[in-house]
């Protein structure tokens, strides 16, 4: 017969922590959600035109960003070449210095 020793664990009172309320995302869900609006505020043609305009704006911004990124890559290569030239010149200058 094995008997385990009795262990007294002290009772620790933890302070109450106020938890913030969960965020509400507004929708009731169900059949009346935005997937199937009962009465659209604007005609389909107006919404289609707005989507086309937004797509064109995005395409312009994306092309501009791609051009700038390409230029940045070219400039980074130039900077790296100049960095290597600096290192070579520094090594040459320090070749005759002791230490």
PDB file of N, CA and C in Angstrom:
ATOM      1  N   UNK A   1       0.844  -1.178   0.000  1.00  0.00           N
ATOM      2  CA  UNK A   1       0.000   0.000   0.000  1.00  0.00           C
ATOM      3  C   UNK A   1       0.890   1.241   0.000  1.00  0.00           C
ATOM      4  N   UNK A   2       0.768   2.081  -1.039  1.00  0.00           N
ATOM      5  CA  UNK A   2       1.585   3.271  -1.154  1.00  0.00           C
ATOM      6  C   UNK A   2       0.727   4.468  -0.788  1.00  0.00           C
ATOM      7  N   UNK A   3       1.265   5.300   0.079  1.00  0.00           N
ATOM      8  CA  UNK A   3       0.555   6.511   0.479  1.00  0.00           C
ATOM      9  C   UNK A   3       1.365   7.715   0.037  1.00  0.00           C
ATOM     10  N   UNK A   4       0.702   8.624  -0.671  1.00  0.00           N
ATOM     11  CA  UNK A   4       1.357   9.846  -1.114  1.00  0.00           C
ATOM     12  C   UNK A   4       1.329  10.852   0.029  1.00  0.00           C
ATOM     13  N   UNK A   5       2.392  11.634   0.157  1.00  0.00           N
ATOM     14  CA  UNK A   5       2.398  12.625   1.235  1.00  0.00           C
ATOM     15  C   UNK A   5       1.358  13.714   0.959  1.00  0.00           C
ATOM     16  N   UNK A   6       0.805  14.259   1.994  1.00  0.00           N
ATOM     17  CA  UNK A   6      -0.190  15.308   1.858  1.00  0.00           C
ATOM     18  C   UNK A   6       0.534  16.624   1.573  1.00  0.00           C
ATOM     19  N   UNK A   7       0.072  17.345   0.529  1.00  0.00           N
ATOM     20  CA  UNK A   7       0.674  18.606   0.140  1.00  0.00           C
ATOM     21  C   UNK A   7      -0.381  19.694   0.288  1.00  0.00           C
ATOM     22  N   UNK A   8      -0.038  20.733   1.055  1.00  0.00           N
ATOM     23  CA  UNK A   8      -0.956  21.860   1.209  1.00  0.00           C
ATOM     24  C   UNK A   8      -0.575  22.930   0.190  1.00  0.00           C
ATOM     25  N   UNK A   9      -1.505  23.249  -0.679  1.00  0.00           N
ATOM     26  CA  UNK A   9      -1.284  24.284  -1.679  1.00  0.00           C
ATOM     27  C   UNK A   9      -1.937  25.551  -1.181  1.00  0.00           C
ATOM     28  N   UNK A  10      -1.156  26.649  -1.120  1.00  0.00           N
ATOM     29  CA  UNK A  10      -1.741  27.884  -0.602  1.00  0.00           C
ATOM     30  C   UNK A  10      -2.799  28.430  -1.564  1.00  0.00           C
ATOM     31  N   UNK A  11      -3.815  29.058  -1.012  1.00  0.00           N
ATOM     32  CA  UNK A  11      -4.875  29.663  -1.803  1.00  0.00           C
ATOM     33  C   UNK A  11      -4.425  31.062  -2.207  1.00  0.00           C
ATOM     34  N   UNK A  12      -4.373  31.326  -3.509  1.00  0.00           N
ATOM     35  CA  UNK A  12      -3.928  32.618  -4.012  1.00  0.00           C
ATOM     36  C   UNK A  12      -5.118  33.306  -4.656  1.00  0.00           C
ATOM     37  N   UNK A  13      -5.432  34.506  -4.191  1.00  0.00           N
ATOM     38  CA  UNK A  13      -6.517  35.276  -4.782  1.00  0.00           C
ATOM     39  C   UNK A  13      -5.957  36.109  -5.923  1.00  0.00           C
ATOM     40  N   UNK A  14      -6.411  35.836  -7.139  1.00  0.00           N
ATOM     41  CA  UNK A  14      -5.970  36.575  -8.311  1.00  0.00           C
ATOM     42  C   UNK A  14      -6.858  37.798  -8.474  1.00  0.00           C
ATOM     43  N   UNK A  15      -6.256  38.957  -8.824  1.00  0.00           N
ATOM     44  CA  UNK A  15      -7.081  40.151  -9.022  1.00  0.00           C
ATOM     45  C   UNK A  15      -7.946  39.994 -10.268  1.00  0.00           C
ATOM     46  N   UNK A  16      -9.104  40.599 -10.226  1.00  0.00           N
ATOM     47  CA  UNK A  16     -10.008  40.553 -11.379  1.00  0.00           C
ATOM     48  C   UNK A  16      -9.472  41.495 -12.449  1.00  0.00           C
ATOM     49  N   UNK A  17      -9.437  41.034 -13.691  1.00  0.00           N
ATOM     50  CA  UNK A  17      -8.951  41.836 -14.805  1.00  0.00           C
ATOM     51  C   UNK A  17     -10.147  42.164 -15.687  1.00  0.00           C
ATOM     52  N   UNK A  18     -10.313  43.461 -15.974  1.00  0.00           N
ATOM     53  CA  UNK A  18     -11.414  43.880 -16.831  1.00  0.00           C
ATOM     54  C   UNK A  18     -11.056  43.561 -18.278  1.00  0.00           C
ATOM     55  N   UNK A  19     -11.823  42.721 -18.903  1.00  0.00           N
ATOM     56  CA  UNK A  19     -11.580  42.351 -20.287  1.00  0.00           C
ATOM     57  C   UNK A  19     -12.341  43.309 -21.197  1.00  0.00           C
ATOM     58  N   UNK A  20     -11.699  43.785 -22.278  1.00  0.00           N
ATOM     59  CA  UNK A  20     -12.425  44.675 -23.192  1.00  0.00           C
ATOM     60  C   UNK A  20     -13.525  43.908 -23.911  1.00  0.00           C
ATOM     61  N   UNK A  21     -14.545  44.622 -24.294  1.00  0.00           N
ATOM     62  CA  UNK A  21     -15.655  44.005 -25.005  1.00  0.00           C
ATOM     63  C   UNK A  21     -15.192  43.559 -26.389  1.00  0.00           C
ATOM     64  N   UNK A  22     -15.779  42.498 -26.882  1.00  0.00           N
ATOM     65  CA  UNK A  22     -15.448  42.025 -28.217  1.00  0.00           C
ATOM     66  C   UNK A  22     -15.967  43.021 -29.241  1.00  0.00           C
ATOM     67  N   UNK A  23     -15.228  43.233 -30.338  1.00  0.00           N
ATOM     68  CA  UNK A  23     -15.691  44.195 -31.339  1.00  0.00           C
ATOM     69  C   UNK A  23     -16.933  43.682 -32.043  1.00  0.00           C
ATOM     70  N   UNK A  24     -17.768  44.599 -32.428  1.00  0.00           N
ATOM     71  CA  UNK A  24     -18.972  44.262 -33.167  1.00  0.00           C
ATOM     72  C   UNK A  24     -18.764  44.664 -34.620  1.00  0.00           C
ATOM     73  N   UNK A  25     -19.057  43.771 -35.514  1.00  0.00           N
ATOM     74  CA  UNK A  25     -18.870  44.063 -36.927  1.00  0.00           C
ATOM     75  C   UNK A  25     -20.180  44.452 -37.596  1.00  0.00           C
ATOM     76  N   UNK A  26     -21.173  44.731 -36.807  1.00  0.00           N
ATOM     77  CA  UNK A  26     -22.420  45.252 -37.334  1.00  0.00           C
ATOM     78  C   UNK A  26     -23.310  44.286 -38.049  1.00  0.00           C
ATOM     79  N   UNK A  27     -23.292  43.467 -38.709  1.00  0.00           N
ATOM     80  CA  UNK A  27     -24.257  42.742 -39.505  1.00  0.00           C
ATOM     81  C   UNK A  27     -25.046  41.764 -38.689  1.00  0.00           C
ATOM     82  N   UNK A  28     -26.272  41.636 -39.047  1.00  0.00           N
ATOM     83  CA  UNK A  28     -27.118  40.655 -38.398  1.00  0.00           C
ATOM     84  C   UNK A  28     -26.941  39.297 -39.022  1.00  0.00           C
ATOM     85  N   UNK A  29     -26.384  39.243 -40.208  1.00  0.00           N
ATOM     86  CA  UNK A  29     -26.179  37.973 -40.881  1.00  0.00           C
ATOM     87  C   UNK A  29     -27.492  37.435 -41.410  1.00  0.00           C
ATOM     88  N   UNK A  30     -27.537  36.178 -41.681  1.00  0.00           N
ATOM     89  CA  UNK A  30     -28.770  35.557 -42.144  1.00  0.00           C
ATOM     90  C   UNK A  30     -29.094  35.920 -43.580  1.00  0.00           C
ATOM     91  N   UNK A  31     -30.366  35.823 -43.927  1.00  0.00           N
ATOM     92  CA  UNK A  31     -30.806  36.059 -45.306  1.00  0.00           C
ATOM     93  C   UNK A  31     -30.734  37.537 -45.681  1.00  0.00           C
ATOM     94  N   UNK A  32     -30.718  38.422 -44.704  1.00  0.00           N
ATOM     95  CA  UNK A  32     -30.713  39.849 -45.019  1.00  0.00           C
ATOM     96  C   UNK A  32     -29.306  40.432 -45.074  1.00  0.00           C
ATOM     97  N   UNK A  33     -28.291  39.584 -45.233  1.00  0.00           N
ATOM     98  CA  UNK A  33     -26.921  40.090 -45.292  1.00  0.00           C
ATOM     99  C   UNK A  33     -26.665  40.738 -46.642  1.00  0.00           C
ATOM    100  N   UNK A  34     -25.470  41.297 -46.837  1.00  0.00           N
ATOM    101  CA  UNK A  34     -25.156  42.049 -48.041  1.00  0.00           C
ATOM    102  C   UNK A  34     -25.000  41.166 -49.271  1.00  0.00           C
ATOM    103  N   UNK A  35     -25.030  39.828 -49.112  1.00  0.00           N
ATOM    104  CA  UNK A  35     -24.919  38.951 -50.265  1.00  0.00           C
ATOM    105  C   UNK A  35     -26.130  39.089 -51.188  1.00  0.00           C
ATOM    106  N   UNK A  36     -27.268  39.367 -50.624  1.00  0.00           N
ATOM    107  CA  UNK A  36     -28.491  39.462 -51.401  1.00  0.00           C
ATOM    108  C   UNK A  36     -29.272  40.685 -50.943  1.00  0.00           C
ATOM    109  N   UNK A  37     -28.866  41.875 -51.370  1.00  0.00           N
ATOM    110  CA  UNK A  37     -29.566  43.067 -50.895  1.00  0.00           C
ATOM    111  C   UNK A  37     -30.998  43.091 -51.414  1.00  0.00           C
ATOM    112  N   UNK A  38     -31.925  43.500 -50.566  1.00  0.00           N
ATOM    113  CA  UNK A  38     -33.327  43.508 -50.968  1.00  0.00           C
ATOM    114  C   UNK A  38     -33.635  44.683 -51.886  1.00  0.00           C
ATOM    115  N   UNK A  39     -32.967  45.825 -51.689  1.00  0.00           N
ATOM    116  CA  UNK A  39     -33.196  46.969 -52.574  1.00  0.00           C
ATOM    117  C   UNK A  39     -31.877  47.700 -52.781  1.00  0.00           C
ATOM    118  N   UNK A  40     -31.206  47.464 -53.922  1.00  0.00           N
ATOM    119  CA  UNK A  40     -29.930  48.147 -54.162  1.00  0.00           C
ATOM    120  C   UNK A  40     -30.150  49.652 -54.274  1.00  0.00           C
ATOM    121  N   UNK A  41     -29.199  50.410 -53.753  1.00  0.00           N
ATOM    122  CA  UNK A  41     -29.324  51.855 -53.758  1.00  0.00           C
ATOM    123  C   UNK A  41     -28.997  52.451 -55.123  1.00  0.00           C
ATOM    124  N   UNK A  42     -28.151  51.784 -55.897  1.00  0.00           N
ATOM    125  CA  UNK A  42     -27.749  52.289 -57.203  1.00  0.00           C
ATOM    126  C   UNK A  42     -27.973  51.207 -58.238  1.00  0.00           C
ATOM    127  N   UNK A  43     -28.122  51.612 -59.485  1.00  0.00           N
ATOM    128  CA  UNK A  43     -28.335  50.632 -60.543  1.00  0.00           C
ATOM    129  C   UNK A  43     -27.050  49.850 -60.798  1.00  0.00           C
ATOM    130  N   UNK A  44     -27.193  48.724 -61.436  1.00  0.00           N
ATOM    131  CA  UNK A  44     -26.043  47.875 -61.747  1.00  0.00           C
ATOM    132  C   UNK A  44     -25.061  48.607 -62.652  1.00  0.00           C
ATOM    133  N   UNK A  45     -25.579  49.384 -63.600  1.00  0.00           N
ATOM    134  CA  UNK A  45     -24.700  50.125 -64.521  1.00  0.00           C
ATOM    135  C   UNK A  45     -23.808  51.107 -63.771  1.00  0.00           C
ATOM    136  N   UNK A  46     -24.358  51.788 -62.760  1.00  0.00           N
ATOM    137  CA  UNK A  46     -23.576  52.753 -61.977  1.00  0.00           C
ATOM    138  C   UNK A  46     -22.482  52.028 -61.202  1.00  0.00           C
ATOM    139  N   UNK A  47     -22.845  50.902 -60.599  1.00  0.00           N
ATOM    140  CA  UNK A  47     -21.837  50.136 -59.835  1.00  0.00           C
ATOM    141  C   UNK A  47     -20.773  49.550 -60.757  1.00  0.00           C
ATOM    142  N   UNK A  48     -21.183  49.088 -61.950  1.00  0.00           N
ATOM    143  CA  UNK A  48     -20.205  48.562 -62.917  1.00  0.00           C
ATOM    144  C   UNK A  48     -19.239  49.646 -63.359  1.00  0.00           C
ATOM    145  N   UNK A  49     -19.758  50.834 -63.625  1.00  0.00           N
ATOM    146  CA  UNK A  49     -18.888  51.938 -64.058  1.00  0.00           C
ATOM    147  C   UNK A  49     -17.907  52.322 -62.951  1.00  0.00           C
ATOM    148  N   UNK A  50     -18.378  52.339 -61.719  1.00  0.00           N
ATOM    149  CA  UNK A  50     -17.496  52.653 -60.596  1.00  0.00           C
ATOM    150  C   UNK A  50     -16.394  51.601 -60.474  1.00  0.00           C
ATOM    151  N   UNK A  51     -16.737  50.337 -60.683  1.00  0.00           N
ATOM    152  CA  UNK A  51     -15.735  49.268 -60.622  1.00  0.00           C
ATOM    153  C   UNK A  51     -14.722  49.407 -61.757  1.00  0.00           C
ATOM    154  N   UNK A  52     -15.190  49.740 -62.960  1.00  0.00           N
ATOM    155  CA  UNK A  52     -14.272  49.934 -64.095  1.00  0.00           C
ATOM    156  C   UNK A  52     -13.313  51.094 -63.821  1.00  0.00           C
ATOM    157  N   UNK A  53     -13.847  52.165 -63.273  1.00  0.00           N
ATOM    158  CA  UNK A  53     -13.023  53.326 -62.966  1.00  0.00           C
ATOM    159  C   UNK A  53     -11.976  52.992 -61.903  1.00  0.00           C
ATOM    160  N   UNK A  54     -12.377  52.256 -60.876  1.00  0.00           N
ATOM    161  CA  UNK A  54     -11.443  51.861 -59.822  1.00  0.00           C
ATOM    162  C   UNK A  54     -10.364  50.937 -60.379  1.00  0.00           C
ATOM    163  N   UNK A  55     -10.745  50.042 -61.302  1.00  0.00           N
ATOM    164  CA  UNK A  55      -9.764  49.136 -61.903  1.00  0.00           C
ATOM    165  C   UNK A  55      -8.750  49.923 -62.734  1.00  0.00           C
ATOM    166  N   UNK A  56      -9.222  50.922 -63.479  1.00  0.00           N
ATOM    167  CA  UNK A  56      -8.319  51.738 -64.286  1.00  0.00           C
ATOM    168  C   UNK A  56      -7.373  52.541 -63.393  1.00  0.00           C
ATOM    169  N   UNK A  57      -7.901  53.086 -62.291  1.00  0.00           N
ATOM    170  CA  UNK A  57      -7.054  53.822 -61.345  1.00  0.00           C
ATOM    171  C   UNK A  57      -5.980  52.913 -60.765  1.00  0.00           C
ATOM    172  N   UNK A  58      -6.380  51.686 -60.417  1.00  0.00           N
ATOM    173  CA  UNK A  58      -5.413  50.732 -59.879  1.00  0.00           C
ATOM    174  C   UNK A  58      -4.344  50.402 -60.918  1.00  0.00           C
ATOM    175  N   UNK A  59      -4.753  50.169 -62.165  1.00  0.00           N
ATOM    176  CA  UNK A  59      -3.798  49.814 -63.215  1.00  0.00           C
ATOM    177  C   UNK A  59      -2.781  50.936 -63.416  1.00  0.00           C
ATOM    178  N   UNK A  60      -3.245  52.185 -63.403  1.00  0.00           N
ATOM    179  CA  UNK A  60      -2.320  53.314 -63.547  1.00  0.00           C
ATOM    180  C   UNK A  60      -1.331  53.370 -62.390  1.00  0.00           C
ATOM    181  N   UNK A  61      -1.842  53.234 -61.174  1.00  0.00           N
ATOM    182  CA  UNK A  61      -0.973  53.283 -59.997  1.00  0.00           C
ATOM    183  C   UNK A  61       0.004  52.111 -59.994  1.00  0.00           C
ATOM    184  N   UNK A  62      -0.462  50.932 -60.403  1.00  0.00           N
ATOM    185  CA  UNK A  62       0.399  49.754 -60.428  1.00  0.00           C
ATOM    186  C   UNK A  62       1.519  49.917 -61.452  1.00  0.00           C
ATOM    187  N   UNK A  63       1.194  50.447 -62.628  1.00  0.00           N
ATOM    188  CA  UNK A  63       2.225  50.669 -63.649  1.00  0.00           C
ATOM    189  C   UNK A  63       3.255  51.690 -63.180  1.00  0.00           C
ATOM    190  N   UNK A  64       2.793  52.757 -62.543  1.00  0.00           N
ATOM    191  CA  UNK A  64       3.713  53.762 -62.013  1.00  0.00           C
ATOM    192  C   UNK A  64       4.632  53.134 -60.968  1.00  0.00           C
ATOM    193  N   UNK A  65       4.064  52.332 -60.088  1.00  0.00           N
ATOM    194  CA  UNK A  65       4.873  51.681 -59.051  1.00  0.00           C
ATOM    195  C   UNK A  65       5.908  50.738 -59.666  1.00  0.00           C
ATOM    196  N   UNK A  66       5.512  50.001 -60.682  1.00  0.00           N
ATOM    197  CA  UNK A  66       6.458  49.085 -61.335  1.00  0.00           C
ATOM    198  C   UNK A  66       7.613  49.849 -61.988  1.00  0.00           C
ATOM    199  N   UNK A  67       7.309  50.990 -62.617  1.00  0.00           N
ATOM    200  CA  UNK A  67       8.363  51.804 -63.229  1.00  0.00           C
ATOM    201  C   UNK A  67       9.334  52.324 -62.166  1.00  0.00           C
ATOM    202  N   UNK A  68       8.794  52.790 -61.061  1.00  0.00           N
ATOM    203  CA  UNK A  68       9.642  53.314 -59.979  1.00  0.00           C
ATOM    204  C   UNK A  68      10.485  52.195 -59.377  1.00  0.00           C
ATOM    205  N   UNK A  69       9.887  51.006 -59.203  1.00  0.00           N
ATOM    206  CA  UNK A  69      10.644  49.874 -58.658  1.00  0.00           C
ATOM    207  C   UNK A  69      11.788  49.475 -59.594  1.00  0.00           C
ATOM    208  N   UNK A  70      11.547  49.492 -60.904  1.00  0.00           N
ATOM    209  CA  UNK A  70      12.602  49.150 -61.862  1.00  0.00           C
ATOM    210  C   UNK A  70      13.740  50.170 -61.782  1.00  0.00           C
ATOM    211  N   UNK A  71      13.386  51.455 -61.689  1.00  0.00           N
ATOM    212  CA  UNK A  71      14.405  52.506 -61.568  1.00  0.00           C
ATOM    213  C   UNK A  71      15.189  52.327 -60.263  1.00  0.00           C
ATOM    214  N   UNK A  72      14.496  51.960 -59.189  1.00  0.00           N
ATOM    215  CA  UNK A  72      15.170  51.748 -57.908  1.00  0.00           C
ATOM    216  C   UNK A  72      16.170  50.592 -57.998  1.00  0.00           C
ATOM    217  N   UNK A  73      15.814  49.545 -58.708  1.00  0.00           N
ATOM    218  CA  UNK A  73      16.747  48.419 -58.878  1.00  0.00           C
ATOM    219  C   UNK A  73      18.000  48.864 -59.640  1.00  0.00           C
ATOM    220  N   UNK A  74      17.803  49.683 -60.672  1.00  0.00           N
ATOM    221  CA  UNK A  74      18.951  50.184 -61.428  1.00  0.00           C
ATOM    222  C   UNK A  74      19.852  51.041 -60.530  1.00  0.00           C
ATOM    223  N   UNK A  75      19.243  51.923 -59.753  1.00  0.00           N
ATOM    224  CA  UNK A  75      20.020  52.791 -58.868  1.00  0.00           C
ATOM    225  C   UNK A  75      20.724  51.992 -57.769  1.00  0.00           C
ATOM    226  N   UNK A  76      20.094  50.930 -57.277  1.00  0.00           N
ATOM    227  CA  UNK A  76      20.726  50.078 -56.269  1.00  0.00           C
ATOM    228  C   UNK A  76      21.966  49.417 -56.855  1.00  0.00           C
ATOM    229  N   UNK A  77      21.897  48.976 -58.116  1.00  0.00           N
ATOM    230  CA  UNK A  77      23.059  48.360 -58.766  1.00  0.00           C
ATOM    231  C   UNK A  77      24.191  49.372 -58.897  1.00  0.00           C
ATOM    232  N   UNK A  78      23.871  50.607 -59.262  1.00  0.00           N
ATOM    233  CA  UNK A  78      24.895  51.652 -59.363  1.00  0.00           C
ATOM    234  C   UNK A  78      25.529  51.902 -57.994  1.00  0.00           C
ATOM    235  N   UNK A  79      24.706  51.989 -56.962  1.00  0.00           N
ATOM    236  CA  UNK A  79      25.227  52.219 -55.611  1.00  0.00           C
ATOM    237  C   UNK A  79      26.119  51.065 -55.165  1.00  0.00           C
ATOM    238  N   UNK A  80      25.739  49.838 -55.478  1.00  0.00           N
ATOM    239  CA  UNK A  80      26.558  48.681 -55.099  1.00  0.00           C
ATOM    240  C   UNK A  80      27.897  48.700 -55.824  1.00  0.00           C
ATOM    241  N   UNK A  81      27.906  49.115 -57.097  1.00  0.00           N
ATOM    242  CA  UNK A  81      29.168  49.226 -57.841  1.00  0.00           C
ATOM    243  C   UNK A  81      30.078  50.274 -57.198  1.00  0.00           C
ATOM    244  N   UNK A  82      29.504  51.403 -56.815  1.00  0.00           N
ATOM    245  CA  UNK A  82      30.296  52.462 -56.179  1.00  0.00           C
ATOM    246  C   UNK A  82      30.793  52.023 -54.806  1.00  0.00           C
ATOM    247  N   UNK A  83      30.011  51.237 -54.106  1.00  0.00           N
ATOM    248  CA  UNK A  83      30.429  50.717 -52.801  1.00  0.00           C
ATOM    249  C   UNK A  83      31.644  49.796 -52.979  1.00  0.00           C
ATOM    250  N   UNK A  84      31.587  48.951 -54.009  1.00  0.00           N
ATOM    251  CA  UNK A  84      32.715  48.055 -54.263  1.00  0.00           C
ATOM    252  C   UNK A  84      33.961  48.847 -54.657  1.00  0.00           C
ATOM    253  N   UNK A  85      33.783  49.907 -55.450  1.00  0.00           N
ATOM    254  CA  UNK A  85      34.916  50.747 -55.828  1.00  0.00           C
ATOM    255  C   UNK A  85      35.517  51.412 -54.591  1.00  0.00           C
ATOM    256  N   UNK A  86      34.674  51.849 -53.671  1.00  0.00           N
ATOM    257  CA  UNK A  86      35.154  52.441 -52.420  1.00  0.00           C
ATOM    258  C   UNK A  86      35.948  51.422 -51.606  1.00  0.00           C
ATOM    259  N   UNK A  87      35.415  50.214 -51.487  1.00  0.00           N
ATOM    260  CA  UNK A  87      36.119  49.180 -50.712  1.00  0.00           C
ATOM    261  C   UNK A  87      37.486  48.872 -51.329  1.00  0.00           C
ATOM    262  N   UNK A  88      37.530  48.788 -52.663  1.00  0.00           N
ATOM    263  CA  UNK A  88      38.801  48.509 -53.337  1.00  0.00           C
ATOM    264  C   UNK A  88      39.806  49.643 -53.088  1.00  0.00           C
ATOM    265  N   UNK A  89      39.341  50.899 -53.178  1.00  0.00           N
ATOM    266  CA  UNK A  89      40.220  52.041 -52.953  1.00  0.00           C
ATOM    267  C   UNK A  89      40.691  52.074 -51.499  1.00  0.00           C
ATOM    268  N   UNK A  90      39.820  51.765 -50.575  1.00  0.00           N
ATOM    269  CA  UNK A  90      40.188  51.752 -49.154  1.00  0.00           C
ATOM    270  C   UNK A  90      41.213  50.660 -48.889  1.00  0.00           C
ATOM    271  N   UNK A  91      40.999  49.474 -49.462  1.00  0.00           N
ATOM    272  CA  UNK A  91      41.956  48.382 -49.278  1.00  0.00           C
ATOM    273  C   UNK A  91      43.322  48.752 -49.839  1.00  0.00           C
ATOM    274  N   UNK A  92      43.326  49.411 -50.971  1.00  0.00           N
ATOM    275  CA  UNK A  92      44.581  49.830 -51.592  1.00  0.00           C
ATOM    276  C   UNK A  92      45.286  50.900 -50.728  1.00  0.00           C
ATOM    277  N   UNK A  93      44.493  51.821 -50.183  1.00  0.00           N
ATOM    278  CA  UNK A  93      45.077  52.877 -49.347  1.00  0.00           C
ATOM    279  C   UNK A  93      45.624  52.300 -48.045  1.00  0.00           C
ATOM    280  N   UNK A  94      44.976  51.281 -47.537  1.00  0.00           N
ATOM    281  CA  UNK A  94      45.400  50.718 -46.244  1.00  0.00           C
ATOM    282  C   UNK A  94      46.442  49.621 -46.404  1.00  0.00           C
ATOM    283  N   UNK A  95      46.821  49.283 -47.645  1.00  0.00           N
ATOM    284  CA  UNK A  95      47.756  48.179 -47.866  1.00  0.00           C
ATOM    285  C   UNK A  95      49.117  48.472 -47.268  1.00  0.00           C
ATOM    286  N   UNK A  96      49.547  49.723 -47.241  1.00  0.00           N
ATOM    287  CA  UNK A  96      50.874  50.046 -46.744  1.00  0.00           C
ATOM    288  C   UNK A  96      50.850  50.517 -45.290  1.00  0.00           C
ATOM    289  N   UNK A  97      49.701  50.643 -44.697  1.00  0.00           N
ATOM    290  CA  UNK A  97      49.607  51.043 -43.290  1.00  0.00           C
ATOM    291  C   UNK A  97      49.723  49.837 -42.390  1.00  0.00           C
ATOM    292  N   UNK A  98      50.517  49.943 -41.374  1.00  0.00           N
ATOM    293  CA  UNK A  98      50.593  48.813 -40.430  1.00  0.00           C
ATOM    294  C   UNK A  98      49.340  48.799 -39.532  1.00  0.00           C
ATOM    295  N   UNK A  99      48.880  47.651 -39.205  1.00  0.00           N
ATOM    296  CA  UNK A  99      47.785  47.512 -38.260  1.00  0.00           C
ATOM    297  C   UNK A  99      46.524  47.454 -38.941  1.00  0.00           C
TER     298      UNK A  99
END
